[in-house]
Amino acid sequence: MKKTLFYYFLFSLFTGTIIYFLQYFSVPLPRIIRFYVNDFLIIPIVLYSCLRVLKWSKNNKNYTLSLPIILYVCFMYSVLFEYIFPKYLARYTKDFIDVIVYFASGFVFYYLQKNKNEF
């Protein structure tokens, strides 16, 4: 597993959790943090978790997620959270910027996964 990818996962998980709890306790945060940072962080959290399970289940320590798979996950998050859920659940709102953020974080994950800096 790539060292930078692992650290990025931990950073994303820790930062996302902190932001979630700050919002839960109504701590005022800048708009960009309230509305976009967790959307940027969720894709690497999900992809890293999937990558770990796939490496274990395929018994292949060198397995990587291909770009089409990463783009598919970003697309599904975009459709679910920006199109379907806002129609039926009041908690969700449509925001095109979120779609851009999902794909940007997917490309960051892809780049870090391809990085040659290993444990």
N, C-alpha and C. Protein backbone atom coordinates (compact mmCIF):
# COMPACT_ATOMS: atom_id res chain seq x y z
N MET A 1 0.85 -1.18 0.00
CA MET A 1 0.00 0.00 0.00
C MET A 1 0.89 1.23 0.00
N LYS A 2 0.49 2.20 -0.76
CA LYS A 2 1.26 3.44 -0.85
C LYS A 2 1.15 4.23 0.45
N LYS A 3 2.30 4.71 0.92
CA LYS A 3 2.34 5.44 2.17
C LYS A 3 1.52 6.73 2.07
N THR A 4 1.68 7.49 0.99
CA THR A 4 0.95 8.75 0.87
C THR A 4 -0.55 8.52 0.77
N LEU A 5 -0.95 7.45 0.12
CA LEU A 5 -2.38 7.14 0.00
C LEU A 5 -2.97 6.80 1.37
N PHE A 6 -2.24 6.06 2.17
CA PHE A 6 -2.68 5.73 3.52
C PHE A 6 -2.80 6.99 4.37
N TYR A 7 -1.81 7.85 4.30
CA TYR A 7 -1.86 9.12 5.07
C TYR A 7 -2.99 10.01 4.59
N TYR A 8 -3.22 10.02 3.30
CA TYR A 8 -4.33 10.81 2.75
C TYR A 8 -5.67 10.29 3.25
N PHE A 9 -5.80 8.97 3.31
CA PHE A 9 -7.01 8.36 3.86
C PHE A 9 -7.21 8.77 5.32
N LEU A 10 -6.16 8.66 6.13
CA LEU A 10 -6.27 9.03 7.54
C LEU A 10 -6.60 10.51 7.71
N PHE A 11 -5.94 11.36 6.92
CA PHE A 11 -6.22 12.80 6.97
C PHE A 11 -7.68 13.07 6.60
N SER A 12 -8.15 12.43 5.54
CA SER A 12 -9.54 12.62 5.09
C SER A 12 -10.53 12.17 6.15
N LEU A 13 -10.28 11.01 6.73
CA LEU A 13 -11.17 10.47 7.75
C LEU A 13 -11.19 11.36 8.99
N PHE A 14 -10.04 11.77 9.44
CA PHE A 14 -9.93 12.62 10.63
C PHE A 14 -10.57 13.99 10.39
N THR A 15 -10.22 14.62 9.29
CA THR A 15 -10.75 15.95 8.98
C THR A 15 -12.25 15.91 8.78
N GLY A 16 -12.74 14.93 8.04
CA GLY A 16 -14.17 14.80 7.80
C GLY A 16 -14.94 14.58 9.09
N THR A 17 -14.39 13.79 9.99
CA THR A 17 -15.04 13.54 11.28
C THR A 17 -15.09 14.81 12.12
N ILE A 18 -14.00 15.55 12.15
CA ILE A 18 -13.96 16.80 12.91
C ILE A 18 -15.00 17.79 12.36
N ILE A 19 -15.06 17.94 11.04
CA ILE A 19 -16.03 18.85 10.44
C ILE A 19 -17.46 18.41 10.75
N TYR A 20 -17.71 17.11 10.67
CA TYR A 20 -19.04 16.59 10.98
C TYR A 20 -19.45 16.95 12.41
N PHE A 21 -18.57 16.71 13.37
CA PHE A 21 -18.91 17.02 14.76
C PHE A 21 -19.04 18.52 15.01
N LEU A 22 -18.21 19.32 14.37
CA LEU A 22 -18.34 20.78 14.52
C LEU A 22 -19.70 21.24 13.99
N GLN A 23 -20.13 20.69 12.86
CA GLN A 23 -21.44 21.04 12.32
C GLN A 23 -22.55 20.53 13.24
N TYR A 24 -22.39 19.35 13.78
CA TYR A 24 -23.40 18.76 14.66
C TYR A 24 -23.61 19.64 15.90
N PHE A 25 -22.52 20.19 16.41
CA PHE A 25 -22.60 21.05 17.59
C PHE A 25 -22.78 22.53 17.23
N SER A 26 -23.15 22.81 15.99
CA SER A 26 -23.48 24.16 15.49
C SER A 26 -22.34 25.16 15.65
N VAL A 27 -21.12 24.70 15.48
CA VAL A 27 -19.97 25.60 15.48
C VAL A 27 -19.93 26.28 14.11
N PRO A 28 -19.89 27.62 14.08
CA PRO A 28 -19.87 28.30 12.78
C PRO A 28 -18.57 28.01 12.02
N LEU A 29 -18.73 27.63 10.78
CA LEU A 29 -17.60 27.33 9.90
C LEU A 29 -17.74 28.13 8.62
N PRO A 30 -16.64 28.42 7.94
CA PRO A 30 -16.74 29.09 6.64
C PRO A 30 -17.55 28.24 5.66
N ARG A 31 -18.22 28.90 4.73
CA ARG A 31 -19.10 28.22 3.76
C ARG A 31 -18.38 27.11 2.99
N ILE A 32 -17.17 27.38 2.58
CA ILE A 32 -16.45 26.39 1.78
C ILE A 32 -16.22 25.10 2.59
N ILE A 33 -15.96 25.24 3.87
CA ILE A 33 -15.78 24.06 4.72
C ILE A 33 -17.11 23.38 4.97
N ARG A 34 -18.14 24.14 5.26
CA ARG A 34 -19.47 23.57 5.54
C ARG A 34 -20.02 22.80 4.36
N PHE A 35 -19.83 23.32 3.15
CA PHE A 35 -20.54 22.76 1.99
C PHE A 35 -19.69 21.88 1.07
N TYR A 36 -18.36 22.01 1.10
CA TYR A 36 -17.58 21.31 0.08
C TYR A 36 -16.47 20.40 0.58
N VAL A 37 -15.91 20.66 1.73
CA VAL A 37 -14.75 19.87 2.16
C VAL A 37 -15.11 18.41 2.38
N ASN A 38 -16.20 18.13 3.07
CA ASN A 38 -16.56 16.72 3.29
C ASN A 38 -16.92 16.01 1.99
N ASP A 39 -17.48 16.74 1.02
CA ASP A 39 -17.74 16.14 -0.29
C ASP A 39 -16.43 15.77 -0.98
N PHE A 40 -15.40 16.58 -0.77
CA PHE A 40 -14.09 16.28 -1.34
C PHE A 40 -13.44 15.09 -0.63
N LEU A 41 -13.69 14.95 0.66
CA LEU A 41 -13.02 13.92 1.45
C LEU A 41 -13.69 12.55 1.38
N ILE A 42 -14.97 12.48 1.05
CA ILE A 42 -15.67 11.20 1.09
C ILE A 42 -15.19 10.22 0.01
N ILE A 43 -14.86 10.72 -1.16
CA ILE A 43 -14.43 9.83 -2.25
C ILE A 43 -13.15 9.06 -1.88
N PRO A 44 -12.10 9.72 -1.39
CA PRO A 44 -10.92 8.92 -1.02
C PRO A 44 -11.17 7.97 0.14
N ILE A 45 -12.06 8.33 1.05
CA ILE A 45 -12.38 7.42 2.16
C ILE A 45 -13.03 6.15 1.61
N VAL A 46 -14.00 6.31 0.73
CA VAL A 46 -14.71 5.16 0.15
C VAL A 46 -13.77 4.36 -0.74
N LEU A 47 -13.02 5.03 -1.61
CA LEU A 47 -12.15 4.31 -2.54
C LEU A 47 -11.03 3.57 -1.81
N TYR A 48 -10.46 4.18 -0.80
CA TYR A 48 -9.39 3.50 -0.05
C TYR A 48 -9.95 2.27 0.66
N SER A 49 -11.12 2.41 1.25
CA SER A 49 -11.74 1.26 1.92
C SER A 49 -12.01 0.14 0.93
N CYS A 50 -12.53 0.48 -0.23
CA CYS A 50 -12.78 -0.52 -1.28
C CYS A 50 -11.48 -1.16 -1.74
N LEU A 51 -10.45 -0.34 -1.90
CA LEU A 51 -9.16 -0.85 -2.36
C LEU A 51 -8.59 -1.85 -1.35
N ARG A 52 -8.68 -1.55 -0.07
CA ARG A 52 -8.18 -2.47 0.96
C ARG A 52 -8.94 -3.80 0.92
N VAL A 53 -10.26 -3.74 0.78
CA VAL A 53 -11.07 -4.97 0.73
C VAL A 53 -10.72 -5.77 -0.53
N LEU A 54 -10.56 -5.09 -1.65
CA LEU A 54 -10.23 -5.79 -2.89
C LEU A 54 -8.85 -6.42 -2.85
N LYS A 55 -7.89 -5.72 -2.27
CA LYS A 55 -6.55 -6.30 -2.13
C LYS A 55 -6.59 -7.55 -1.27
N TRP A 56 -7.37 -7.50 -0.21
CA TRP A 56 -7.49 -8.66 0.67
C TRP A 56 -8.23 -9.80 -0.02
N SER A 57 -9.37 -9.49 -0.65
CA SER A 57 -10.19 -10.54 -1.24
C SER A 57 -9.53 -11.18 -2.47
N LYS A 58 -8.76 -10.41 -3.21
CA LYS A 58 -8.06 -10.95 -4.38
C LYS A 58 -6.69 -11.50 -4.02
N ASN A 59 -6.30 -11.30 -2.75
CA ASN A 59 -4.99 -11.74 -2.28
C ASN A 59 -3.89 -11.20 -3.20
N ASN A 60 -3.98 -9.91 -3.51
CA ASN A 60 -3.05 -9.26 -4.42
C ASN A 60 -2.67 -7.90 -3.83
N LYS A 61 -1.48 -7.83 -3.25
CA LYS A 61 -1.04 -6.59 -2.60
C LYS A 61 -0.76 -5.47 -3.60
N ASN A 62 -0.64 -5.79 -4.87
CA ASN A 62 -0.34 -4.78 -5.88
C ASN A 62 -1.58 -4.33 -6.65
N TYR A 63 -2.74 -4.79 -6.24
CA TYR A 63 -3.98 -4.42 -6.94
C TYR A 63 -4.22 -2.92 -6.81
N THR A 64 -4.66 -2.30 -7.89
CA THR A 64 -5.03 -0.88 -7.87
C THR A 64 -6.39 -0.70 -8.53
N LEU A 65 -7.03 0.37 -8.17
CA LEU A 65 -8.31 0.71 -8.80
C LEU A 65 -8.02 1.43 -10.11
N SER A 66 -8.67 0.99 -11.16
CA SER A 66 -8.46 1.63 -12.46
C SER A 66 -9.21 2.97 -12.51
N LEU A 67 -8.79 3.81 -13.43
CA LEU A 67 -9.43 5.11 -13.59
C LEU A 67 -10.92 4.98 -13.91
N PRO A 68 -11.34 4.04 -14.77
CA PRO A 68 -12.79 3.90 -15.01
C PRO A 68 -13.58 3.54 -13.75
N ILE A 69 -13.01 2.73 -12.88
CA ILE A 69 -13.71 2.39 -11.63
C ILE A 69 -13.82 3.61 -10.74
N ILE A 70 -12.76 4.37 -10.63
CA ILE A 70 -12.78 5.59 -9.82
C ILE A 70 -13.79 6.58 -10.37
N LEU A 71 -13.81 6.76 -11.69
CA LEU A 71 -14.77 7.67 -12.31
C LEU A 71 -16.20 7.17 -12.12
N TYR A 72 -16.40 5.87 -12.15
CA TYR A 72 -17.73 5.30 -11.92
C TYR A 72 -18.22 5.62 -10.50
N VAL A 73 -17.36 5.46 -9.51
CA VAL A 73 -17.74 5.78 -8.13
C VAL A 73 -18.08 7.26 -8.01
N CYS A 74 -17.27 8.12 -8.62
CA CYS A 74 -17.55 9.57 -8.59
C CYS A 74 -18.89 9.87 -9.28
N PHE A 75 -19.14 9.21 -10.39
CA PHE A 75 -20.40 9.40 -11.11
C PHE A 75 -21.59 8.95 -10.26
N MET A 76 -21.46 7.80 -9.62
CA MET A 76 -22.56 7.30 -8.79
C MET A 76 -22.83 8.22 -7.59
N TYR A 77 -21.79 8.71 -6.97
CA TYR A 77 -21.99 9.67 -5.88
C TYR A 77 -22.68 10.93 -6.40
N SER A 78 -22.29 11.38 -7.57
CA SER A 78 -22.91 12.57 -8.16
C SER A 78 -24.39 12.35 -8.43
N VAL A 79 -24.72 11.22 -9.01
CA VAL A 79 -26.12 10.92 -9.33
C VAL A 79 -26.95 10.76 -8.05
N LEU A 80 -26.42 10.00 -7.11
CA LEU A 80 -27.18 9.75 -5.88
C LEU A 80 -27.35 11.01 -5.04
N PHE A 81 -26.26 11.70 -4.76
CA PHE A 81 -26.31 12.80 -3.81
C PHE A 81 -26.70 14.14 -4.43
N GLU A 82 -26.61 14.26 -5.74
CA GLU A 82 -26.95 15.54 -6.37
C GLU A 82 -28.19 15.48 -7.26
N TYR A 83 -28.71 14.29 -7.50
CA TYR A 83 -29.91 14.19 -8.34
C TYR A 83 -31.03 13.43 -7.63
N ILE A 84 -30.76 12.21 -7.21
CA ILE A 84 -31.82 11.36 -6.64
C ILE A 84 -32.20 11.76 -5.22
N PHE A 85 -31.22 11.81 -4.32
CA PHE A 85 -31.54 12.13 -2.92
C PHE A 85 -32.22 13.49 -2.75
N PRO A 86 -31.78 14.54 -3.43
CA PRO A 86 -32.48 15.83 -3.25
C PRO A 86 -33.96 15.80 -3.64
N LYS A 87 -34.33 14.89 -4.52
CA LYS A 87 -35.73 14.78 -4.91
C LYS A 87 -36.61 14.25 -3.78
N TYR A 88 -36.04 13.38 -2.96
CA TYR A 88 -36.85 12.68 -1.98
C TYR A 88 -36.51 12.98 -0.52
N LEU A 89 -35.35 13.54 -0.27
CA LEU A 89 -34.92 13.80 1.10
C LEU A 89 -34.56 15.28 1.27
N ALA A 90 -35.18 15.92 2.23
CA ALA A 90 -34.97 17.36 2.44
C ALA A 90 -33.55 17.69 2.88
N ARG A 91 -32.84 16.75 3.46
CA ARG A 91 -31.48 16.99 3.95
C ARG A 91 -30.50 17.29 2.82
N TYR A 92 -30.79 16.83 1.61
CA TYR A 92 -29.87 16.96 0.49
C TYR A 92 -30.33 18.05 -0.47
N THR A 93 -29.35 18.77 -1.03
CA THR A 93 -29.64 19.81 -2.02
C THR A 93 -28.78 19.58 -3.25
N LYS A 94 -29.29 20.01 -4.39
CA LYS A 94 -28.52 19.91 -5.63
C LYS A 94 -27.47 21.01 -5.66
N ASP A 95 -26.27 20.64 -6.04
CA ASP A 95 -25.19 21.60 -6.17
C ASP A 95 -24.19 21.06 -7.19
N PHE A 96 -24.09 21.73 -8.31
CA PHE A 96 -23.20 21.27 -9.38
C PHE A 96 -21.74 21.30 -8.94
N ILE A 97 -21.39 22.20 -8.06
CA ILE A 97 -20.01 22.27 -7.59
C ILE A 97 -19.62 20.98 -6.88
N ASP A 98 -20.56 20.36 -6.18
CA ASP A 98 -20.28 19.08 -5.52
C ASP A 98 -19.85 18.02 -6.53
N VAL A 99 -20.45 18.02 -7.70
CA VAL A 99 -20.07 17.06 -8.74
C VAL A 99 -18.61 17.27 -9.14
N ILE A 100 -18.22 18.51 -9.32
CA ILE A 100 -16.83 18.83 -9.66
C ILE A 100 -15.90 18.39 -8.54
N VAL A 101 -16.31 18.61 -7.30
CA VAL A 101 -15.51 18.25 -6.13
C VAL A 101 -15.34 16.73 -6.05
N TYR A 102 -16.41 15.97 -6.31
CA TYR A 102 -16.31 14.50 -6.29
C TYR A 102 -15.25 14.02 -7.30
N PHE A 103 -15.33 14.54 -8.51
CA PHE A 103 -14.40 14.11 -9.55
C PHE A 103 -12.98 14.59 -9.28
N ALA A 104 -12.83 15.79 -8.74
CA ALA A 104 -11.50 16.29 -8.40
C ALA A 104 -10.84 15.39 -7.35
N SER A 105 -11.61 15.00 -6.34
CA SER A 105 -11.03 14.13 -5.32
C SER A 105 -10.74 12.73 -5.87
N GLY A 106 -11.54 12.29 -6.83
CA GLY A 106 -11.26 11.01 -7.49
C GLY A 106 -9.94 11.04 -8.25
N PHE A 107 -9.67 12.15 -8.94
CA PHE A 107 -8.40 12.28 -9.66
C PHE A 107 -7.22 12.37 -8.69
N VAL A 108 -7.40 13.05 -7.56
CA VAL A 108 -6.35 13.10 -6.55
C VAL A 108 -6.06 11.69 -6.03
N PHE A 109 -7.11 10.93 -5.75
CA PHE A 109 -6.93 9.55 -5.30
C PHE A 109 -6.17 8.74 -6.35
N TYR A 110 -6.57 8.86 -7.61
CA TYR A 110 -5.91 8.12 -8.69
C TYR A 110 -4.43 8.46 -8.76
N TYR A 111 -4.12 9.75 -8.67
CA TYR A 111 -2.72 10.17 -8.71
C TYR A 111 -1.94 9.60 -7.53
N LEU A 112 -2.49 9.70 -6.33
CA LEU A 112 -1.79 9.20 -5.15
C LEU A 112 -1.62 7.68 -5.18
N GLN A 113 -2.59 7.00 -5.76
CA GLN A 113 -2.52 5.54 -5.88
C GLN A 113 -1.38 5.15 -6.82
N LYS A 114 -1.15 5.93 -7.85
CA LYS A 114 -0.11 5.64 -8.83
C LYS A 114 1.27 6.10 -8.38
N ASN A 115 1.34 6.87 -7.30
CA ASN A 115 2.60 7.37 -6.77
C ASN A 115 3.51 6.21 -6.41
N LYS A 116 4.78 6.30 -6.70
CA LYS A 116 5.72 5.20 -6.47
C LYS A 116 6.30 5.17 -5.06
N ASN A 117 5.84 6.04 -4.17
CA ASN A 117 6.34 6.11 -2.80
C ASN A 117 5.66 5.04 -1.95
N GLU A 118 6.35 3.91 -1.72
CA GLU A 118 5.73 2.78 -1.00
C GLU A 118 6.28 2.65 0.40
N PHE A 119 5.58 1.84 1.22
CA PHE A 119 6.04 1.54 2.59
C PHE A 119 7.40 0.89 2.54
